[in-house]
Amino acid sequence: MPVWCPKCNAMLPEGLETCPRCGARLGKAIDQTTDDIEPNRSDIFWLSAYTIGIVLIPILIGLAIGLVCILLFVSR
């Protein structure tokens, strides 16, 4: 997976210690994987809102259909 230089934003292969384009030391920041990244509060909030939306929308649609059916049945 390619990585990016933090100074010049050049795309680089993994395992380099310095950027060949600008000479910046890459160090540990270049070796991070997605497993090491911790989500922040904003990420957790939006993931929760997205998940709740996916769950609640079908439930609300089902309740609305049920309510319409009940109202149609009672009005006869």
Protein backbone atom coordinates (compact mmCIF):
# COMPACT_ATOMS: atom_id res chain seq x y z
CA MET A 1 0.00 0.00 0.00
CA PRO A 2 1.53 3.36 -0.92
CA VAL A 3 2.27 5.95 1.74
CA TRP A 4 2.56 9.74 1.53
CA CYS A 5 5.37 12.08 2.52
CA PRO A 6 4.15 14.41 5.30
CA LYS A 7 6.19 17.33 3.91
CA CYS A 8 5.74 17.26 0.10
CA ASN A 9 2.81 14.80 -0.19
CA ALA A 10 4.69 12.56 -2.62
CA MET A 11 3.39 9.00 -2.96
CA LEU A 12 6.11 6.61 -1.75
CA PRO A 13 6.57 2.86 -1.38
CA GLU A 14 6.64 1.43 2.14
CA GLY A 15 9.89 0.99 4.03
CA LEU A 16 11.70 4.21 3.13
CA GLU A 17 13.43 6.24 5.84
CA THR A 18 13.66 9.49 3.87
CA CYS A 19 11.66 10.96 1.02
CA PRO A 20 13.66 10.85 -2.23
CA ARG A 21 11.87 13.97 -3.49
CA CYS A 22 12.30 16.43 -0.59
CA GLY A 23 14.64 14.58 1.79
CA ALA A 24 12.25 14.67 4.75
CA ARG A 25 12.77 11.98 7.38
CA LEU A 26 9.75 9.69 7.36
CA GLY A 27 10.37 7.82 10.58
CA LYS A 28 7.52 6.11 12.40
CA ALA A 29 4.67 8.10 10.80
CA ILE A 30 5.25 6.30 7.52
CA ASP A 31 4.95 2.85 9.15
CA GLN A 32 1.46 3.35 10.61
CA THR A 33 -1.20 0.95 9.48
CA THR A 34 -4.96 1.28 9.72
CA ASP A 35 -4.90 -1.01 12.78
CA ASP A 36 -2.97 1.63 14.77
CA ILE A 37 -5.34 4.49 14.04
CA GLU A 38 -7.85 5.19 16.80
CA PRO A 39 -11.17 6.83 15.91
CA ASN A 40 -11.89 10.22 17.45
CA ARG A 41 -15.20 11.38 18.95
CA SER A 42 -16.41 12.89 15.68
CA ASP A 43 -15.86 9.60 13.83
CA ILE A 44 -17.71 7.66 16.52
CA PHE A 45 -20.61 10.16 16.50
CA TRP A 46 -21.09 10.01 12.72
CA LEU A 47 -20.74 6.22 12.61
CA SER A 48 -23.35 5.92 15.38
CA ALA A 49 -25.70 8.37 13.63
CA TYR A 50 -25.30 6.50 10.36
CA THR A 51 -25.98 3.12 12.01
CA ILE A 52 -28.99 4.45 13.93
CA GLY A 53 -30.32 5.97 10.70
CA ILE A 54 -30.01 2.67 8.88
CA VAL A 55 -31.88 0.88 11.67
CA LEU A 56 -34.53 3.52 12.37
CA ILE A 57 -35.57 4.36 8.80
CA PRO A 58 -36.96 0.87 8.01
CA ILE A 59 -38.62 0.70 11.43
CA LEU A 60 -40.31 4.08 10.89
CA ILE A 61 -41.43 3.07 7.39
CA GLY A 62 -42.89 -0.16 8.80
CA LEU A 63 -44.71 1.74 11.54
CA ALA A 64 -46.10 4.22 9.03
CA ILE A 65 -47.37 1.41 6.78
CA GLY A 66 -48.89 -0.34 9.80
CA LEU A 67 -50.58 2.86 10.94
CA VAL A 68 -52.04 3.45 7.47
CA CYS A 69 -53.32 -0.13 7.36
CA ILE A 70 -54.92 0.20 10.80
CA LEU A 71 -56.56 3.52 9.86
CA LEU A 72 -57.91 2.03 6.62
CA PHE A 73 -59.21 -1.05 8.44
CA VAL A 74 -60.92 0.98 11.21
CA SER A 75 -62.54 3.44 8.79
CA ARG A 76 -64.50 0.65 7.03
